[in-house]
Amino acid sequence: MELNWVEYIGLAAGTLTTAAYLPQVYKTWRTKAVGDISLVMYTAMTAGVFLWMVYGILLKAPAVIAANAVSLALVGGMLRLKLKYHNTDQTPPKP
């Protein structure tokens, strides 16, 4: 499939929005601190990104597929970290 300028805009947008997850994933993986990470938000985000990826596959849209495949790995990884470390977080309780 030939990429046109519209597809390049989609790829650029997907790269930027997907890359935005990297600092949070890295910090959480490094510190194992998940107390302030929302389980509901990451569950919903993982499901939503998965559905966007399926949508891209059905439309045969490379930018949508690629961005959401990588995003799924990142938000799914965050969800996994949240579930794995939720009992070990040493964040002090809020007053």
C-alpha atoms as a PDB file:
ATOM      1  CA  MET A   1       0.000   0.000   0.000  1.00  0.00           C
ATOM      2  CA  GLU A   2       1.352   3.396  -0.990  1.00  0.00           C
ATOM      3  CA  LEU A   3       1.563   5.972   1.773  1.00  0.00           C
ATOM      4  CA  ASN A   4       0.255   9.440   0.967  1.00  0.00           C
ATOM      5  CA  TRP A   5       0.643  12.669   2.926  1.00  0.00           C
ATOM      6  CA  VAL A   6      -2.528  11.985   4.940  1.00  0.00           C
ATOM      7  CA  GLU A   7      -1.082   8.649   6.089  1.00  0.00           C
ATOM      8  CA  TYR A   8       2.158  10.400   7.076  1.00  0.00           C
ATOM      9  CA  ILE A   9       0.169  12.819   9.257  1.00  0.00           C
ATOM     10  CA  GLY A  10      -1.497   9.822  10.881  1.00  0.00           C
ATOM     11  CA  LEU A  11       1.849   8.132  11.463  1.00  0.00           C
ATOM     12  CA  ALA A  12       3.299  11.315  12.998  1.00  0.00           C
ATOM     13  CA  ALA A  13       0.265  11.748  15.262  1.00  0.00           C
ATOM     14  CA  GLY A  14       0.387   8.098  16.291  1.00  0.00           C
ATOM     15  CA  THR A  15       4.111   8.308  17.040  1.00  0.00           C
ATOM     16  CA  LEU A  16       3.702  11.378  19.247  1.00  0.00           C
ATOM     17  CA  THR A  17       0.664  10.153  21.193  1.00  0.00           C
ATOM     18  CA  THR A  18       2.146   6.679  21.654  1.00  0.00           C
ATOM     19  CA  ALA A  19       5.544   8.021  22.738  1.00  0.00           C
ATOM     20  CA  ALA A  20       3.783  10.056  25.427  1.00  0.00           C
ATOM     21  CA  TYR A  21       3.275   6.820  27.405  1.00  0.00           C
ATOM     22  CA  LEU A  22       6.982   5.934  27.503  1.00  0.00           C
ATOM     23  CA  PRO A  23       8.060   8.126  30.459  1.00  0.00           C
ATOM     24  CA  GLN A  24       5.249   6.824  32.696  1.00  0.00           C
ATOM     25  CA  VAL A  25       5.861   3.201  31.773  1.00  0.00           C
ATOM     26  CA  TYR A  26       9.602   3.565  32.355  1.00  0.00           C
ATOM     27  CA  LYS A  27       9.175   5.364  35.698  1.00  0.00           C
ATOM     28  CA  THR A  28       6.621   2.843  36.955  1.00  0.00           C
ATOM     29  CA  TRP A  29       8.726  -0.117  35.804  1.00  0.00           C
ATOM     30  CA  ARG A  30      11.796   1.362  37.510  1.00  0.00           C
ATOM     31  CA  THR A  31      10.183   2.427  40.812  1.00  0.00           C
ATOM     32  CA  LYS A  32       7.407  -0.177  41.054  1.00  0.00           C
ATOM     33  CA  ALA A  33       5.276   2.616  42.611  1.00  0.00           C
ATOM     34  CA  VAL A  34       1.724   2.193  41.365  1.00  0.00           C
ATOM     35  CA  GLY A  35      -0.304   3.827  44.141  1.00  0.00           C
ATOM     36  CA  ASP A  36      -1.276   6.848  42.060  1.00  0.00           C
ATOM     37  CA  ILE A  37      -1.942   4.840  38.892  1.00  0.00           C
ATOM     38  CA  SER A  38      -5.662   4.394  38.206  1.00  0.00           C
ATOM     39  CA  LEU A  39      -6.670   0.784  37.636  1.00  0.00           C
ATOM     40  CA  VAL A  40      -9.992   1.826  36.092  1.00  0.00           C
ATOM     41  CA  MET A  41      -8.317   4.277  33.708  1.00  0.00           C
ATOM     42  CA  TYR A  42      -5.711   1.796  32.473  1.00  0.00           C
ATOM     43  CA  THR A  43      -8.282  -0.993  32.139  1.00  0.00           C
ATOM     44  CA  ALA A  44     -10.516   1.257  30.034  1.00  0.00           C
ATOM     45  CA  MET A  45      -7.557   2.602  28.054  1.00  0.00           C
ATOM     46  CA  THR A  46      -6.268  -0.895  27.283  1.00  0.00           C
ATOM     47  CA  ALA A  47      -9.705  -1.986  26.057  1.00  0.00           C
ATOM     48  CA  GLY A  48     -10.134   1.210  24.034  1.00  0.00           C
ATOM     49  CA  VAL A  49      -6.727   0.974  22.388  1.00  0.00           C
ATOM     50  CA  PHE A  50      -7.404  -2.656  21.523  1.00  0.00           C
ATOM     51  CA  LEU A  51     -10.674  -1.669  19.855  1.00  0.00           C
ATOM     52  CA  TRP A  52      -8.937   1.162  17.941  1.00  0.00           C
ATOM     53  CA  MET A  53      -6.413  -1.375  16.690  1.00  0.00           C
ATOM     54  CA  VAL A  54      -9.200  -3.722  15.548  1.00  0.00           C
ATOM     55  CA  TYR A  55     -10.879  -0.750  13.855  1.00  0.00           C
ATOM     56  CA  GLY A  56      -7.635   0.042  12.036  1.00  0.00           C
ATOM     57  CA  ILE A  57      -7.292  -3.572  10.921  1.00  0.00           C
ATOM     58  CA  LEU A  58     -10.842  -3.591   9.574  1.00  0.00           C
ATOM     59  CA  LEU A  59     -10.198  -0.340   7.692  1.00  0.00           C
ATOM     60  CA  LYS A  60      -6.725  -1.484   6.592  1.00  0.00           C
ATOM     61  CA  ALA A  61      -5.303   1.783   7.988  1.00  0.00           C
ATOM     62  CA  PRO A  62      -1.554   1.310   8.683  1.00  0.00           C
ATOM     63  CA  ALA A  63      -1.191   4.416  10.878  1.00  0.00           C
ATOM     64  CA  VAL A  64      -4.104   3.410  13.106  1.00  0.00           C
ATOM     65  CA  ILE A  65      -2.896  -0.182  13.335  1.00  0.00           C
ATOM     66  CA  ALA A  66       0.738   0.678  14.106  1.00  0.00           C
ATOM     67  CA  ALA A  67       0.051   3.404  16.658  1.00  0.00           C
ATOM     68  CA  ASN A  68      -2.489   1.340  18.524  1.00  0.00           C
ATOM     69  CA  ALA A  69      -0.441  -1.866  18.456  1.00  0.00           C
ATOM     70  CA  VAL A  70       2.439  -0.058  20.179  1.00  0.00           C
ATOM     71  CA  SER A  71       0.052   1.815  22.501  1.00  0.00           C
ATOM     72  CA  LEU A  72      -1.578  -1.493  23.424  1.00  0.00           C
ATOM     73  CA  ALA A  73       1.794  -2.884  24.448  1.00  0.00           C
ATOM     74  CA  LEU A  74       2.528   0.205  26.558  1.00  0.00           C
ATOM     75  CA  VAL A  75      -0.852   0.677  28.276  1.00  0.00           C
ATOM     76  CA  GLY A  76      -1.228  -3.078  28.643  1.00  0.00           C
ATOM     77  CA  GLY A  77       2.212  -3.114  30.246  1.00  0.00           C
ATOM     78  CA  MET A  78       1.147  -0.374  32.655  1.00  0.00           C
ATOM     79  CA  LEU A  79      -1.971  -2.328  33.537  1.00  0.00           C
ATOM     80  CA  ARG A  80       0.161  -5.403  34.168  1.00  0.00           C
ATOM     81  CA  LEU A  81       2.529  -3.381  36.398  1.00  0.00           C
ATOM     82  CA  LYS A  82      -0.431  -1.971  38.336  1.00  0.00           C
ATOM     83  CA  LEU A  83      -1.835  -5.443  38.926  1.00  0.00           C
ATOM     84  CA  LYS A  84       1.563  -6.933  39.781  1.00  0.00           C
ATOM     85  CA  TYR A  85       2.720  -4.259  42.239  1.00  0.00           C
ATOM     86  CA  HIS A  86      -0.543  -2.970  43.724  1.00  0.00           C
ATOM     87  CA  ASN A  87       0.096  -4.670  47.084  1.00  0.00           C
ATOM     88  CA  THR A  88       3.769  -3.717  47.307  1.00  0.00           C
ATOM     89  CA  ASP A  89       3.399   0.040  46.812  1.00  0.00           C
ATOM     90  CA  GLN A  90       4.870   2.018  49.691  1.00  0.00           C
ATOM     91  CA  THR A  91       3.068   5.279  48.954  1.00  0.00           C
ATOM     92  CA  PRO A  92       2.111   6.880  52.278  1.00  0.00           C
ATOM     93  CA  PRO A  93      -1.637   6.963  52.961  1.00  0.00           C
ATOM     94  CA  LYS A  94      -3.426  10.254  52.360  1.00  0.00           C
ATOM     95  CA  PRO A  95      -4.768  12.013  55.472  1.00  0.00           C
END
